[in-house]
C-alpha atoms as a PDB file:
ATOM      1  CA  MET A   1       3.899 -17.051  -3.784  1.00  0.00           C
ATOM      2  CA  ARG A   2       1.187 -19.468  -2.851  1.00  0.00           C
ATOM      3  CA  ARG A   3      -2.331 -18.311  -3.709  1.00  0.00           C
ATOM      4  CA  ASP A   4      -5.229 -19.899  -2.029  1.00  0.00           C
ATOM      5  CA  THR A   5      -8.117 -21.257  -4.133  1.00  0.00           C
ATOM      6  CA  THR A   6     -10.459 -21.896  -1.557  1.00  0.00           C
ATOM      7  CA  PHE A   7     -11.986 -19.871   1.264  1.00  0.00           C
ATOM      8  CA  GLN A   8     -14.677 -20.269   3.907  1.00  0.00           C
ATOM      9  CA  PHE A   9     -16.323 -17.315   5.276  1.00  0.00           C
ATOM     10  CA  GLY A  10     -17.188 -17.089   9.044  1.00  0.00           C
ATOM     11  CA  LEU A  11     -18.235 -14.115  11.266  1.00  0.00           C
ATOM     12  CA  PRO A  12     -14.691 -12.227  11.658  1.00  0.00           C
ATOM     13  CA  ARG A  13     -13.367 -11.172  14.985  1.00  0.00           C
ATOM     14  CA  PHE A  14     -13.772  -7.467  15.589  1.00  0.00           C
ATOM     15  CA  GLN A  15     -10.007  -6.830  16.270  1.00  0.00           C
ATOM     16  CA  GLY A  16      -6.758  -5.117  14.996  1.00  0.00           C
ATOM     17  CA  ALA A  17      -6.630  -2.413  12.381  1.00  0.00           C
ATOM     18  CA  VAL A  18     -10.369  -3.156  11.039  1.00  0.00           C
ATOM     19  CA  ARG A  19     -11.779  -2.412  14.398  1.00  0.00           C
ATOM     20  CA  HIS A  20      -9.643   0.908  14.660  1.00  0.00           C
ATOM     21  CA  ILE A  21     -10.790   2.020  11.250  1.00  0.00           C
ATOM     22  CA  VAL A  22     -14.478   1.032  11.861  1.00  0.00           C
ATOM     23  CA  LEU A  23     -14.432   2.999  15.254  1.00  0.00           C
ATOM     24  CA  LEU A  24     -12.614   6.008  13.780  1.00  0.00           C
ATOM     25  CA  ALA A  25     -15.182   6.243  10.838  1.00  0.00           C
ATOM     26  CA  VAL A  26     -17.982   6.002  13.116  1.00  0.00           C
ATOM     27  CA  GLY A  27     -16.601   8.471  15.559  1.00  0.00           C
ATOM     28  CA  VAL A  28     -16.115  11.056  12.665  1.00  0.00           C
ATOM     29  CA  TRP A  29     -19.712  10.347  11.501  1.00  0.00           C
ATOM     30  CA  LEU A  30     -20.971  11.060  15.027  1.00  0.00           C
ATOM     31  CA  THR A  31     -19.019  13.977  15.414  1.00  0.00           C
ATOM     32  CA  PHE A  32     -20.450  15.528  12.288  1.00  0.00           C
ATOM     33  CA  ILE A  33     -24.173  14.527  13.449  1.00  0.00           C
ATOM     34  CA  LEU A  34     -23.530  16.238  16.910  1.00  0.00           C
ATOM     35  CA  LEU A  35     -21.895  19.446  15.138  1.00  0.00           C
ATOM     36  CA  ASN A  36     -24.840  19.653  12.756  1.00  0.00           C
ATOM     37  CA  ILE A  37     -27.044  20.005  15.920  1.00  0.00           C
ATOM     38  CA  VAL A  38     -25.189  22.567  18.043  1.00  0.00           C
ATOM     39  CA  ASP A  39     -23.098  24.253  15.515  1.00  0.00           C
ATOM     40  CA  ARG A  40     -24.101  23.898  11.845  1.00  0.00           C
ATOM     41  CA  PRO A  41     -21.600  26.518  10.253  1.00  0.00           C
ATOM     42  CA  THR A  42     -18.625  24.709  12.000  1.00  0.00           C
ATOM     43  CA  ALA A  43     -19.859  21.233  10.779  1.00  0.00           C
ATOM     44  CA  ASP A  44     -20.085  22.650   7.205  1.00  0.00           C
ATOM     45  CA  LEU A  45     -16.402  24.006   7.559  1.00  0.00           C
ATOM     46  CA  LEU A  46     -15.144  20.822   8.637  1.00  0.00           C
ATOM     47  CA  LEU A  47     -16.929  19.058   5.906  1.00  0.00           C
ATOM     48  CA  ARG A  48     -15.568  21.258   3.242  1.00  0.00           C
ATOM     49  CA  TRP A  49     -12.048  20.572   4.695  1.00  0.00           C
ATOM     50  CA  GLY A  50     -12.439  16.617   5.040  1.00  0.00           C
ATOM     51  CA  VAL A  51     -13.867  15.841   1.633  1.00  0.00           C
ATOM     52  CA  LEU A  52     -11.671  15.419  -1.461  1.00  0.00           C
ATOM     53  CA  ASN A  53     -12.400  18.603  -3.636  1.00  0.00           C
ATOM     54  CA  PRO A  54      -9.725  19.040  -6.325  1.00  0.00           C
ATOM     55  CA  GLN A  55     -10.763  22.769  -6.716  1.00  0.00           C
ATOM     56  CA  ALA A  56     -10.011  23.407  -2.945  1.00  0.00           C
ATOM     57  CA  ILE A  57      -6.652  21.652  -3.447  1.00  0.00           C
ATOM     58  CA  ARG A  58      -5.585  23.687  -6.593  1.00  0.00           C
ATOM     59  CA  ASP A  59      -6.954  27.125  -4.851  1.00  0.00           C
ATOM     60  CA  HIS A  60      -5.845  26.640  -1.377  1.00  0.00           C
ATOM     61  CA  GLY A  61      -3.451  23.662  -1.044  1.00  0.00           C
ATOM     62  CA  TRP A  62      -5.595  21.509   1.088  1.00  0.00           C
ATOM     63  CA  ALA A  63      -3.438  18.313   0.627  1.00  0.00           C
ATOM     64  CA  TRP A  64      -4.706  16.647   3.665  1.00  0.00           C
ATOM     65  CA  GLN A  65      -7.869  15.896   1.877  1.00  0.00           C
ATOM     66  CA  PHE A  66      -5.985  12.962  -0.010  1.00  0.00           C
ATOM     67  CA  LEU A  67      -6.260  11.230   3.417  1.00  0.00           C
ATOM     68  CA  THR A  68      -9.279  12.608   5.098  1.00  0.00           C
ATOM     69  CA  TYR A  69     -11.744  11.770   2.614  1.00  0.00           C
ATOM     70  CA  ALA A  70     -11.736   8.323   3.349  1.00  0.00           C
ATOM     71  CA  PHE A  71     -13.178   8.886   6.855  1.00  0.00           C
ATOM     72  CA  VAL A  72     -16.050  11.251   5.857  1.00  0.00           C
ATOM     73  CA  HIS A  73     -19.305   9.625   4.675  1.00  0.00           C
ATOM     74  CA  ALA A  74     -22.382  11.157   3.410  1.00  0.00           C
ATOM     75  CA  GLY A  75     -24.773   9.409   5.595  1.00  0.00           C
ATOM     76  CA  PRO A  76     -25.588   6.225   7.699  1.00  0.00           C
ATOM     77  CA  TRP A  77     -26.245   4.177   4.659  1.00  0.00           C
ATOM     78  CA  HIS A  78     -22.985   5.225   2.836  1.00  0.00           C
ATOM     79  CA  LEU A  79     -21.126   4.560   6.054  1.00  0.00           C
ATOM     80  CA  LEU A  80     -22.791   1.154   6.580  1.00  0.00           C
ATOM     81  CA  MET A  81     -22.066  -0.114   3.236  1.00  0.00           C
ATOM     82  CA  CYS A  82     -18.379   0.787   3.436  1.00  0.00           C
ATOM     83  CA  LEU A  83     -17.922  -0.523   6.993  1.00  0.00           C
ATOM     84  CA  VAL A  84     -19.465  -3.770   6.055  1.00  0.00           C
ATOM     85  CA  GLY A  85     -16.839  -4.172   3.270  1.00  0.00           C
ATOM     86  CA  ILE A  86     -14.135  -3.291   5.700  1.00  0.00           C
ATOM     87  CA  TYR A  87     -15.385  -5.621   8.428  1.00  0.00           C
ATOM     88  CA  PHE A  88     -15.922  -8.805   6.245  1.00  0.00           C
ATOM     89  CA  ILE A  89     -13.432  -8.500   3.381  1.00  0.00           C
ATOM     90  CA  GLY A  90     -10.999  -6.470   5.520  1.00  0.00           C
ATOM     91  CA  SER A  91     -10.831  -8.927   8.343  1.00  0.00           C
ATOM     92  CA  SER A  92      -9.859 -11.714   5.945  1.00  0.00           C
ATOM     93  CA  VAL A  93      -7.076  -9.500   4.408  1.00  0.00           C
ATOM     94  CA  GLU A  94      -5.882  -8.215   7.676  1.00  0.00           C
ATOM     95  CA  GLU A  95      -5.528 -11.903   8.970  1.00  0.00           C
ATOM     96  CA  ARG A  96      -3.423 -12.822   5.932  1.00  0.00           C
ATOM     97  CA  VAL A  97      -1.380  -9.720   5.802  1.00  0.00           C
ATOM     98  CA  GLY A  98      -1.113  -8.381   9.515  1.00  0.00           C
ATOM     99  CA  GLN A  99      -2.222  -5.230  11.006  1.00  0.00           C
ATOM    100  CA  ARG A 100       0.706  -3.138   9.944  1.00  0.00           C
ATOM    101  CA  ALA A 101       0.450  -3.973   6.292  1.00  0.00           C
ATOM    102  CA  PHE A 102      -3.428  -3.787   6.571  1.00  0.00           C
ATOM    103  CA  TRP A 103      -3.066   0.052   7.500  1.00  0.00           C
ATOM    104  CA  GLN A 104      -0.437   0.533   4.499  1.00  0.00           C
ATOM    105  CA  LEU A 105      -2.894  -0.968   2.275  1.00  0.00           C
ATOM    106  CA  PHE A 106      -5.870   1.057   3.445  1.00  0.00           C
ATOM    107  CA  ILE A 107      -4.077   4.500   3.909  1.00  0.00           C
ATOM    108  CA  GLY A 108      -1.892   3.971   0.624  1.00  0.00           C
ATOM    109  CA  SER A 109      -4.788   2.981  -1.513  1.00  0.00           C
ATOM    110  CA  SER A 110      -6.929   5.986  -0.490  1.00  0.00           C
ATOM    111  CA  VAL A 111      -4.177   8.464  -0.814  1.00  0.00           C
ATOM    112  CA  LEU A 112      -3.257   6.957  -4.294  1.00  0.00           C
ATOM    113  CA  ALA A 113      -6.725   6.759  -5.466  1.00  0.00           C
ATOM    114  CA  GLY A 114      -7.247  10.304  -4.290  1.00  0.00           C
ATOM    115  CA  VAL A 115      -4.114  11.656  -6.002  1.00  0.00           C
ATOM    116  CA  LEU A 116      -4.840  10.043  -9.194  1.00  0.00           C
ATOM    117  CA  GLY A 117      -8.368  11.282  -9.189  1.00  0.00           C
ATOM    118  CA  PHE A 118      -7.121  14.718  -8.667  1.00  0.00           C
ATOM    119  CA  LEU A 119      -4.588  14.576 -11.567  1.00  0.00           C
ATOM    120  CA  LEU A 120      -7.350  13.470 -13.865  1.00  0.00           C
ATOM    121  CA  SER A 121      -9.642  16.245 -12.868  1.00  0.00           C
ATOM    122  CA  PHE A 122      -7.181  18.511 -14.717  1.00  0.00           C
ATOM    123  CA  ALA A 123      -8.407  16.739 -17.897  1.00  0.00           C
ATOM    124  CA  GLY A 124     -12.105  17.358 -17.097  1.00  0.00           C
ATOM    125  CA  VAL A 125     -12.636  13.791 -15.658  1.00  0.00           C
ATOM    126  CA  GLY A 126     -13.564  13.475 -12.082  1.00  0.00           C
ATOM    127  CA  ARG A 127     -15.949  16.368 -11.335  1.00  0.00           C
ATOM    128  CA  GLY A 128     -17.145  17.397  -7.963  1.00  0.00           C
ATOM    129  CA  ALA A 129     -15.979  15.927  -4.618  1.00  0.00           C
ATOM    130  CA  ALA A 130     -15.442  12.562  -3.253  1.00  0.00           C
ATOM    131  CA  LEU A 131     -15.843  11.048   0.131  1.00  0.00           C
ATOM    132  CA  GLY A 132     -15.966   7.789   1.903  1.00  0.00           C
ATOM    133  CA  ALA A 133     -13.910   4.553   2.216  1.00  0.00           C
ATOM    134  CA  GLY A 134     -15.066   3.415  -1.195  1.00  0.00           C
ATOM    135  CA  ALA A 135     -11.649   3.355  -2.768  1.00  0.00           C
ATOM    136  CA  ALA A 136     -10.208   1.564   0.176  1.00  0.00           C
ATOM    137  CA  ASP A 137     -12.953  -0.935   0.191  1.00  0.00           C
ATOM    138  CA  ASN A 138     -12.444  -1.635  -3.517  1.00  0.00           C
ATOM    139  CA  ALA A 139      -8.689  -2.328  -2.881  1.00  0.00           C
ATOM    140  CA  LEU A 140      -9.496  -4.556  -0.163  1.00  0.00           C
ATOM    141  CA  LEU A 141     -11.884  -6.486  -2.549  1.00  0.00           C
ATOM    142  CA  MET A 142      -9.186  -6.540  -5.260  1.00  0.00           C
ATOM    143  CA  VAL A 143      -6.416  -7.893  -2.721  1.00  0.00           C
ATOM    144  CA  PHE A 144      -9.137 -10.454  -1.340  1.00  0.00           C
ATOM    145  CA  TYR A 145      -9.386 -11.842  -4.839  1.00  0.00           C
ATOM    146  CA  LEU A 146      -5.697 -11.953  -5.563  1.00  0.00           C
ATOM    147  CA  PHE A 147      -5.240 -13.880  -2.426  1.00  0.00           C
ATOM    148  CA  PHE A 148      -8.272 -16.174  -2.595  1.00  0.00           C
ATOM    149  CA  ARG A 149      -8.915 -16.533  -6.329  1.00  0.00           C
ATOM    150  CA  GLY A 150     -11.180 -19.615  -6.027  1.00  0.00           C
ATOM    151  CA  ALA A 151     -13.406 -18.170  -3.069  1.00  0.00           C
ATOM    152  CA  SER A 152     -16.968 -17.475  -3.297  1.00  0.00           C
ATOM    153  CA  ILE A 153     -18.653 -14.624  -1.124  1.00  0.00           C
ATOM    154  CA  LEU A 154     -22.169 -13.846  -0.272  1.00  0.00           C
ATOM    155  CA  VAL A 155     -23.241 -10.492  -1.614  1.00  0.00           C
ATOM    156  CA  PHE A 156     -26.401  -8.828   0.381  1.00  0.00           C
ATOM    157  CA  PRO A 157     -29.164  -9.183  -0.549  1.00  0.00           C
ATOM    158  CA  LEU A 158     -28.491 -12.070  -2.917  1.00  0.00           C
ATOM    159  CA  PRO A 159     -29.212 -15.442  -1.121  1.00  0.00           C
ATOM    160  CA  PHE A 160     -26.445 -17.351  -2.837  1.00  0.00           C
ATOM    161  CA  GLN A 161     -22.550 -17.132  -3.108  1.00  0.00           C
ATOM    162  CA  ILE A 162     -20.788 -15.589  -6.043  1.00  0.00           C
ATOM    163  CA  PRO A 163     -17.273 -16.344  -7.172  1.00  0.00           C
ATOM    164  CA  VAL A 164     -15.246 -13.292  -6.090  1.00  0.00           C
ATOM    165  CA  LYS A 165     -13.849 -12.777  -9.443  1.00  0.00           C
ATOM    166  CA  TRP A 166     -17.353 -11.927 -10.865  1.00  0.00           C
ATOM    167  CA  VAL A 167     -17.966  -9.599  -7.872  1.00  0.00           C
ATOM    168  CA  VAL A 168     -14.941  -7.629  -8.646  1.00  0.00           C
ATOM    169  CA  ILE A 169     -16.121  -7.281 -12.334  1.00  0.00           C
ATOM    170  CA  ALA A 170     -19.620  -6.468 -11.385  1.00  0.00           C
ATOM    171  CA  PHE A 171     -18.524  -3.829  -8.928  1.00  0.00           C
ATOM    172  CA  GLY A 172     -16.358  -2.360 -11.408  1.00  0.00           C
ATOM    173  CA  ALA A 173     -18.855  -2.344 -13.989  1.00  0.00           C
ATOM    174  CA  VAL A 174     -21.600  -0.858 -11.891  1.00  0.00           C
ATOM    175  CA  GLU A 175     -19.369   1.884 -10.531  1.00  0.00           C
ATOM    176  CA  LEU A 176     -18.261   2.481 -14.137  1.00  0.00           C
ATOM    177  CA  GLY A 177     -21.767   3.030 -15.073  1.00  0.00           C
ATOM    178  CA  TYR A 178     -22.572   5.255 -12.405  1.00  0.00           C
ATOM    179  CA  PHE A 179     -19.344   7.208 -13.131  1.00  0.00           C
ATOM    180  CA  VAL A 180     -20.699   7.908 -16.695  1.00  0.00           C
ATOM    181  CA  LEU A 181     -24.172   8.535 -15.757  1.00  0.00           C
ATOM    182  CA  ASN A 182     -23.254  11.035 -13.170  1.00  0.00           C
ATOM    183  CA  GLY A 183     -21.107  13.336 -15.377  1.00  0.00           C
ATOM    184  CA  TYR A 184     -17.774  11.531 -14.661  1.00  0.00           C
ATOM    185  CA  ALA A 185     -18.065  12.348 -10.961  1.00  0.00           C
ATOM    186  CA  LEU A 186     -14.973  12.261  -8.860  1.00  0.00           C
ATOM    187  CA  PHE A 187     -17.033  10.063  -6.517  1.00  0.00           C
ATOM    188  CA  TYR A 188     -17.118   7.254  -8.452  1.00  0.00           C
ATOM    189  CA  LEU A 189     -13.851   7.821 -10.101  1.00  0.00           C
ATOM    190  CA  VAL A 190     -11.671   7.230  -6.920  1.00  0.00           C
ATOM    191  CA  GLN A 191     -13.666   4.119  -6.064  1.00  0.00           C
ATOM    192  CA  LEU A 192     -12.783   2.569  -9.616  1.00  0.00           C
ATOM    193  CA  LEU A 193      -9.122   3.673  -9.031  1.00  0.00           C
ATOM    194  CA  GLY A 194      -9.320   1.861  -5.812  1.00  0.00           C
ATOM    195  CA  LEU A 195      -9.339  -1.419  -7.685  1.00  0.00           C
ATOM    196  CA  GLY A 196      -6.104  -0.483  -9.375  1.00  0.00           C
ATOM    197  CA  THR A 197      -4.310   0.621  -6.152  1.00  0.00           C
ATOM    198  CA  GLY A 198      -5.187  -2.557  -4.496  1.00  0.00           C
ATOM    199  CA  TYR A 199      -3.601  -4.433  -7.361  1.00  0.00           C
ATOM    200  CA  LEU A 200      -0.583  -2.105  -7.085  1.00  0.00           C
ATOM    201  CA  TRP A 201      -0.200  -2.701  -3.525  1.00  0.00           C
ATOM    202  CA  TYR A 202      -0.322  -6.391  -3.975  1.00  0.00           C
ATOM    203  CA  ARG A 203       2.119  -6.351  -6.966  1.00  0.00           C
ATOM    204  CA  PHE A 204       4.798  -4.140  -5.382  1.00  0.00           C
ATOM    205  CA  ALA A 205       4.175  -3.845  -1.601  1.00  0.00           C
ATOM    206  CA  TRP A 206       3.000  -6.931  -0.514  1.00  0.00           C
ATOM    207  CA  ARG A 207       5.377  -9.065  -2.661  1.00  0.00           C
ATOM    208  CA  ARG A 208       8.495  -7.315  -1.387  1.00  0.00           C
ATOM    209  CA  ALA A 209       8.995  -5.339  -4.583  1.00  0.00           C
ATOM    210  CA  SER A 210       8.894  -1.997  -3.286  1.00  0.00           C
ATOM    211  CA  LEU A 211       8.460   1.003  -5.862  1.00  0.00           C
ATOM    212  CA  LEU A 212      11.885   2.334  -4.554  1.00  0.00           C
ATOM    213  CA  GLY A 213      13.402  -1.053  -5.303  1.00  0.00           C
ATOM    214  CA  PRO A 214      14.503  -0.095  -8.963  1.00  0.00           C
ATOM    215  CA  ILE A 215      16.108   3.157  -7.477  1.00  0.00           C
ATOM    216  CA  ARG A 216      17.891   1.784  -4.441  1.00  0.00           C
ATOM    217  CA  ASN A 217      19.480  -1.204  -6.149  1.00  0.00           C
ATOM    218  CA  PRO A 218      21.642   0.465  -8.379  1.00  0.00           C
ATOM    219  CA  PHE A 219      22.782   2.873  -5.736  1.00  0.00           C
ATOM    220  CA  ALA A 220      23.674  -0.028  -3.654  1.00  0.00           C
ATOM    221  CA  ASP A 221      25.622  -1.816  -6.321  1.00  0.00           C
ATOM    222  CA  LEU A 222      27.494   1.385  -6.991  1.00  0.00           C
ATOM    223  CA  ARG A 223      28.509   1.611  -3.367  1.00  0.00           C
ATOM    224  CA  ASN A 224      29.641  -2.007  -3.241  1.00  0.00           C
ATOM    225  CA  ASN A 225      31.587  -1.608  -6.485  1.00  0.00           C
ATOM    226  CA  TYR A 226      33.389   1.297  -4.955  1.00  0.00           C
ATOM    227  CA  TYR A 227      34.156  -0.731  -1.927  1.00  0.00           C
ATOM    228  CA  ARG A 228      35.526  -3.431  -3.929  1.00  0.00           C
ATOM    229  CA  TRP A 229      37.633  -1.081  -5.971  1.00  0.00           C
ATOM    230  CA  LYS A 230      39.079   0.459  -2.690  1.00  0.00           C
ATOM    231  CA  ARG A 231      40.072  -3.041  -1.547  1.00  0.00           C
ATOM    232  CA  ARG A 232      41.569  -4.088  -4.898  1.00  0.00           C
ATOM    233  CA  ARG A 233      43.687  -0.847  -4.864  1.00  0.00           C
ATOM    234  CA  ALA A 234      44.895  -1.205  -1.346  1.00  0.00           C
ATOM    235  CA  SER A 235      45.900  -4.668  -2.188  1.00  0.00           C
ATOM    236  CA  LYS A 236      47.900  -3.677  -5.107  1.00  0.00           C
ATOM    237  CA  LYS A 237      49.722  -1.056  -3.118  1.00  0.00           C
ATOM    238  CA  PHE A 238      50.588  -3.560  -0.377  1.00  0.00           C
ATOM    239  CA  GLN A 239      51.883  -6.037  -2.983  1.00  0.00           C
ATOM    240  CA  VAL A 240      54.106  -3.293  -4.709  1.00  0.00           C
ATOM    241  CA  TYR A 241      55.452  -2.502  -1.223  1.00  0.00           C
ATOM    242  CA  MET A 242      56.300  -6.219  -0.647  1.00  0.00           C
ATOM    243  CA  ARG A 243      58.162  -6.427  -3.940  1.00  0.00           C
ATOM    244  CA  LYS A 244      60.356  -3.401  -3.014  1.00  0.00           C
ATOM    245  CA  HIS A 245      61.342  -5.207   0.077  1.00  0.00           C
ATOM    246  CA  GLY A 246      62.164  -8.385  -1.847  1.00  0.00           C
ATOM    247  CA  GLN A 247      59.135 -10.489  -0.909  1.00  0.00           C
ATOM    248  CA  ASP A 248      56.965 -12.380  -3.167  1.00  0.00           C
ATOM    249  CA  PRO A 249      53.364 -11.450  -2.543  1.00  0.00           C
ATOM    250  CA  LYS A 250      52.263 -14.909  -3.923  1.00  0.00           C
ATOM    251  CA  GLU A 251      53.516 -16.379  -0.753  1.00  0.00           C
ATOM    252  CA  TYR A 252      50.834 -14.148   1.098  1.00  0.00           C
ATOM    253  CA  PHE A 253      48.050 -13.897  -1.273  1.00  0.00           C
ATOM    254  CA  ASP A 254      46.093 -16.390  -3.478  1.00  0.00           C
ATOM    255  CA  GLU A 255      44.751 -15.887  -7.123  1.00  0.00           C
ATOM    256  CA  TYR A 256      41.723 -14.062  -5.680  1.00  0.00           C
ATOM    257  CA  GLY A 257      43.850 -11.425  -3.728  1.00  0.00           C
ATOM    258  CA  ASN A 258      42.971 -12.977  -0.323  1.00  0.00           C
ATOM    259  CA  PHE A 259      45.547 -13.560   2.401  1.00  0.00           C
ATOM    260  CA  ARG A 260      46.657 -17.309   2.606  1.00  0.00           C
ATOM    261  CA  PRO A 261      46.212 -18.889   6.026  1.00  0.00           C
ATOM    262  CA  PRO A 262      49.222 -19.074   8.082  1.00  0.00           C
ATOM    263  CA  ASP A 263      50.809 -22.759   8.261  1.00  0.00           C
ATOM    264  CA  GLU A 264      50.749 -22.790  11.982  1.00  0.00           C
ATOM    265  CA  LYS A 265      47.661 -21.810  14.266  1.00  0.00           C
ATOM    266  CA  LYS A 266      48.643 -20.330  17.650  1.00  0.00           C
ATOM    267  CA  ASP A 267      46.458 -21.262  20.597  1.00  0.00           C
ATOM    268  CA  GLY A 268      44.089 -23.463  18.573  1.00  0.00           C
ATOM    269  CA  GLY A 269      42.674 -20.375  16.976  1.00  0.00           C
ATOM    270  CA  ARG A 270      40.834 -20.353  13.590  1.00  0.00           C
ATOM    271  CA  TRP A 271      41.989 -18.315  10.603  1.00  0.00           C
ATOM    272  CA  ILE A 272      39.613 -15.813   9.396  1.00  0.00           C
ATOM    273  CA  ASN A 273      40.474 -14.194   5.992  1.00  0.00           C
END
């Protein structure tokens, strides 16, 4: 697959899956703001339902948190940082892969990072709760790097562009530091895992190597081999039948077991074996 080595940033168009995700995240945040004003207990309850909390999943089976946590944000600054990444980096990725694949990347990376964080919490790694689109943001950053390896991007508030490779390394290093300094918090763990899930999406989903491919292909091969065996068996039975009636099967079959074309074609037709 061709990999671009150059990339020029412009102001992306606000459209497609990026627009839907941004509007959905802003809508969820505004809903929490209004509920905090008119009904604080309900807002707190929805927040507990929405964030990714391994303890709640283990005790109550709230598996929907693997998805909903990506649309719940701690405050306006957290929301803004996540949406800026989705808008600028995500728009470039969506333009490359299309709207449907972008949704698969965003949802799949969020869910997979959440599931992996939940599993690691059993080992005492990933404490507390996680929320926000940070995992999906990092997945988009990783995919952007894999598509545009030679690109340079402007990271606010720095006044100069940085090669995207070093941006990925810097983000990973900073989040790893915060992860350790905050007592192995799940919040930073899922963001680190987002880098890995972005690579997995690029490696397996985008490059048409589905995770189910190694499972499906053997079953398809077994099915095709079964049908070939049935055809060979029927051909042998028919040849035995013809020998019993004094006819030579070689007059009708070639060395591969296919019917020989007739010598004369009726009505100008074409022989199809």
